[in-house]
């Protein structure tokens, strides 16, 4: 099985942390509870989404165009 074949499918983000060369400390670009998904298709396409795990939820029953600007900013 080729590496390409091994990567096909959907993969869930486990963690995203960064350690700089000059430090032993880690930073977490999307927070310590980051969530994400990456999908590789057999026809050569890839799609990925990553977000902070503790981001605000969208208010129930409202689309983004009906939401107050503050609620949109927290959710997106």
C-alpha atoms as a PDB file:
ATOM      1  CA  UNK A   1       0.000   0.000   0.000  1.00  0.00           C
ATOM      2  CA  UNK A   2       1.387   3.409  -0.984  1.00  0.00           C
ATOM      3  CA  UNK A   3       1.606   6.372   1.388  1.00  0.00           C
ATOM      4  CA  UNK A   4      -1.085   8.087  -0.703  1.00  0.00           C
ATOM      5  CA  UNK A   5      -3.447   5.160  -0.173  1.00  0.00           C
ATOM      6  CA  UNK A   6      -2.687   5.124   3.553  1.00  0.00           C
ATOM      7  CA  UNK A   7      -3.674   8.791   3.889  1.00  0.00           C
ATOM      8  CA  UNK A   8      -7.035   8.530   2.115  1.00  0.00           C
ATOM      9  CA  UNK A   9     -10.045   9.167   4.334  1.00  0.00           C
ATOM     10  CA  UNK A  10     -10.898  11.449   7.237  1.00  0.00           C
ATOM     11  CA  UNK A  11      -8.525  12.272  10.081  1.00  0.00           C
ATOM     12  CA  UNK A  12      -9.487  13.942  13.353  1.00  0.00           C
ATOM     13  CA  UNK A  13      -7.128  16.441  14.996  1.00  0.00           C
ATOM     14  CA  UNK A  14      -5.725  15.123  18.278  1.00  0.00           C
ATOM     15  CA  UNK A  15      -3.694  18.196  19.306  1.00  0.00           C
ATOM     16  CA  UNK A  16      -2.015  21.229  17.817  1.00  0.00           C
ATOM     17  CA  UNK A  17       0.886  22.647  19.740  1.00  0.00           C
ATOM     18  CA  UNK A  18       4.014  24.516  18.725  1.00  0.00           C
ATOM     19  CA  UNK A  19       7.410  24.458  20.392  1.00  0.00           C
ATOM     20  CA  UNK A  20       9.894  27.054  19.231  1.00  0.00           C
ATOM     21  CA  UNK A  21      13.533  26.109  18.759  1.00  0.00           C
ATOM     22  CA  UNK A  22      14.769  28.448  21.479  1.00  0.00           C
ATOM     23  CA  UNK A  23      12.238  27.381  24.137  1.00  0.00           C
ATOM     24  CA  UNK A  24      10.963  24.287  25.917  1.00  0.00           C
ATOM     25  CA  UNK A  25       7.502  25.824  26.274  1.00  0.00           C
ATOM     26  CA  UNK A  26       4.579  25.003  23.998  1.00  0.00           C
ATOM     27  CA  UNK A  27       2.020  27.399  22.552  1.00  0.00           C
ATOM     28  CA  UNK A  28      -1.444  26.364  21.378  1.00  0.00           C
ATOM     29  CA  UNK A  29      -2.567  28.445  18.358  1.00  0.00           C
ATOM     30  CA  UNK A  30      -6.233  27.370  18.720  1.00  0.00           C
ATOM     31  CA  UNK A  31      -6.183  26.768  22.476  1.00  0.00           C
ATOM     32  CA  UNK A  32      -5.506  23.505  24.297  1.00  0.00           C
ATOM     33  CA  UNK A  33      -8.846  22.022  23.186  1.00  0.00           C
ATOM     34  CA  UNK A  34      -8.482  22.630  19.432  1.00  0.00           C
ATOM     35  CA  UNK A  35     -10.707  20.518  17.180  1.00  0.00           C
ATOM     36  CA  UNK A  36     -10.317  19.728  13.525  1.00  0.00           C
ATOM     37  CA  UNK A  37     -10.836  17.366  10.634  1.00  0.00           C
ATOM     38  CA  UNK A  38      -8.898  16.780   7.425  1.00  0.00           C
ATOM     39  CA  UNK A  39     -10.218  14.695   4.528  1.00  0.00           C
ATOM     40  CA  UNK A  40      -8.184  13.269   1.639  1.00  0.00           C
ATOM     41  CA  UNK A  41     -10.201  11.932  -1.310  1.00  0.00           C
ATOM     42  CA  UNK A  42      -9.060   9.378  -3.855  1.00  0.00           C
ATOM     43  CA  UNK A  43      -9.472  11.904  -6.691  1.00  0.00           C
ATOM     44  CA  UNK A  44      -6.797  14.220  -5.275  1.00  0.00           C
ATOM     45  CA  UNK A  45      -8.884  16.685  -3.253  1.00  0.00           C
ATOM     46  CA  UNK A  46      -8.227  17.678   0.337  1.00  0.00           C
ATOM     47  CA  UNK A  47     -10.333  19.674   2.791  1.00  0.00           C
ATOM     48  CA  UNK A  48      -9.493  20.760   6.321  1.00  0.00           C
ATOM     49  CA  UNK A  49     -11.150  22.687   9.127  1.00  0.00           C
ATOM     50  CA  UNK A  50      -9.674  23.643  12.509  1.00  0.00           C
ATOM     51  CA  UNK A  51     -11.238  25.654  15.315  1.00  0.00           C
ATOM     52  CA  UNK A  52     -10.854  26.429  18.985  1.00  0.00           C
ATOM     53  CA  UNK A  53     -12.600  23.730  21.011  1.00  0.00           C
ATOM     54  CA  UNK A  54     -14.024  26.197  23.499  1.00  0.00           C
ATOM     55  CA  UNK A  55     -15.486  28.648  20.983  1.00  0.00           C
ATOM     56  CA  UNK A  56     -19.007  29.920  21.503  1.00  0.00           C
ATOM     57  CA  UNK A  57     -21.891  28.073  19.851  1.00  0.00           C
ATOM     58  CA  UNK A  58     -24.220  29.736  17.401  1.00  0.00           C
ATOM     59  CA  UNK A  59     -27.503  30.836  18.984  1.00  0.00           C
ATOM     60  CA  UNK A  60     -30.260  28.293  18.258  1.00  0.00           C
ATOM     61  CA  UNK A  61     -32.709  29.248  15.539  1.00  0.00           C
ATOM     62  CA  UNK A  62     -30.685  32.144  14.135  1.00  0.00           C
ATOM     63  CA  UNK A  63     -28.640  32.245  10.975  1.00  0.00           C
ATOM     64  CA  UNK A  64     -25.443  34.304  10.852  1.00  0.00           C
ATOM     65  CA  UNK A  65     -27.256  37.188   9.115  1.00  0.00           C
ATOM     66  CA  UNK A  66     -29.781  37.491  11.983  1.00  0.00           C
ATOM     67  CA  UNK A  67     -27.249  37.223  14.812  1.00  0.00           C
ATOM     68  CA  UNK A  68     -25.885  40.215  16.701  1.00  0.00           C
ATOM     69  CA  UNK A  69     -22.375  41.121  15.544  1.00  0.00           C
ATOM     70  CA  UNK A  70     -20.901  40.248  18.962  1.00  0.00           C
ATOM     71  CA  UNK A  71     -22.348  36.709  18.842  1.00  0.00           C
ATOM     72  CA  UNK A  72     -21.009  36.211  15.306  1.00  0.00           C
ATOM     73  CA  UNK A  73     -17.538  37.333  16.349  1.00  0.00           C
ATOM     74  CA  UNK A  74     -17.446  34.880  19.269  1.00  0.00           C
ATOM     75  CA  UNK A  75     -18.742  31.964  17.198  1.00  0.00           C
ATOM     76  CA  UNK A  76     -16.566  32.549  14.154  1.00  0.00           C
END
